[in-house]
Structures are given as structure tokens and as C-alpha cells.
Amino acid sequence: MKNKRNTFFKTIFSMIVVFAIICTTNLNAQTPPGGGTDTIDSLPLDGGLIALLIGAVAFGVKKLYNNKQ
């Protein structure tokens, strides 16, 4: 039983790492109306947001796995 559990968590962790490597790009917030970017800089939404989403998914998977048992 413990071996299956370790394999499950290793698989999930591997999937999360692959997802993080593939999907990490520099995203910028929407530009202001009129298309002017001279006064307001765009807001980068990159690594921190991705890490937060990955952590939330991992936490949800762990909760679902624990509820099954």
C-alpha cells in the first residue's frame, strides 16, 4: 500500500514539475484603454502566480486522495 502511495505522489510531483516548466511564460496585464503604455507600466504575472496555482492543485489532489482512504 505504501509503495502505491509513493508512486502516486511521485507521479503527481513529476506532472507538476513538467507543467511548471512548460507553462511558465511572462504574462502581462491588459493595457489601458486607448492602447497607451507611456504612463502606466504593465503588471507582470509570472512565477509567483504559477507557483500559487501549482500549490493549490497539489493541495487539492492531496485532499482528494486522503478523503478516498
Protein backbone atom coordinates (compact mmCIF):
# COMPACT_ATOMS: atom_id res chain seq x y z
CA MET A 1 0.00 0.00 0.00
CA LYS A 2 2.78 2.41 0.89
CA ASN A 3 4.57 1.69 -2.38
CA LYS A 4 1.45 2.64 -4.37
CA ARG A 5 1.12 5.84 -2.36
CA ASN A 6 4.76 6.83 -3.00
CA THR A 7 4.34 6.10 -6.70
CA PHE A 8 1.18 8.22 -6.81
CA PHE A 9 2.84 11.22 -5.17
CA LYS A 10 5.95 10.89 -7.35
CA THR A 11 3.75 10.86 -10.44
CA ILE A 12 1.81 13.93 -9.30
CA PHE A 13 5.01 15.76 -8.41
CA SER A 14 6.54 14.93 -11.80
CA MET A 15 3.42 16.18 -13.58
CA ILE A 16 3.51 19.44 -11.61
CA VAL A 17 7.19 20.00 -12.41
CA VAL A 18 6.63 19.35 -16.12
CA PHE A 19 3.61 21.68 -16.10
CA ALA A 20 5.62 24.41 -14.38
CA ILE A 21 8.47 24.14 -16.86
CA ILE A 22 6.21 24.16 -19.92
CA CYS A 23 3.71 26.78 -18.82
CA THR A 24 5.94 29.39 -17.23
CA THR A 25 5.92 32.40 -19.50
CA ASN A 26 5.91 36.10 -18.88
CA LEU A 27 2.31 37.27 -18.83
CA ASN A 28 1.38 40.93 -18.71
CA ALA A 29 -1.82 42.53 -17.55
CA GLN A 30 -4.14 44.19 -20.02
CA THR A 31 -3.06 47.55 -21.39
CA PRO A 32 -5.15 50.62 -20.51
CA PRO A 33 -7.93 51.77 -22.84
CA GLY A 34 -6.61 53.60 -25.87
CA GLY A 35 -3.50 51.44 -26.05
CA GLY A 36 -1.28 53.99 -24.30
CA THR A 37 1.53 52.43 -22.31
CA ASP A 38 3.60 55.58 -21.81
CA THR A 39 2.24 56.42 -18.35
CA ILE A 40 1.32 53.04 -16.84
CA ASP A 41 3.62 50.03 -16.87
CA SER A 42 2.13 46.58 -17.37
CA LEU A 43 1.96 44.29 -14.36
CA PRO A 44 3.95 41.04 -14.70
CA LEU A 45 2.07 37.90 -13.67
CA ASP A 46 4.72 35.23 -13.87
CA GLY A 47 6.42 32.83 -11.47
CA GLY A 48 4.61 33.72 -8.25
CA LEU A 49 1.14 33.21 -9.69
CA ILE A 50 2.14 29.95 -11.37
CA ALA A 51 3.65 28.64 -8.12
CA LEU A 52 0.49 29.56 -6.24
CA LEU A 53 -1.69 27.71 -8.75
CA ILE A 54 0.54 24.64 -8.70
CA GLY A 55 0.47 24.59 -4.90
CA ALA A 56 -3.32 24.86 -4.88
CA VAL A 57 -3.65 21.98 -7.34
CA ALA A 58 -1.25 19.82 -5.34
CA PHE A 59 -3.12 20.58 -2.13
CA GLY A 60 -6.45 19.70 -3.76
CA VAL A 61 -5.11 16.41 -5.12
CA LYS A 62 -3.71 15.50 -1.70
CA LYS A 63 -7.05 16.29 -0.02
CA LEU A 64 -8.96 14.19 -2.55
CA TYR A 65 -6.51 11.32 -2.14
CA ASN A 66 -6.80 11.43 1.67
CA ASN A 67 -10.62 11.54 1.51
CA LYS A 68 -10.68 8.35 -0.58
CA GLN A 69 -8.92 6.45 2.18
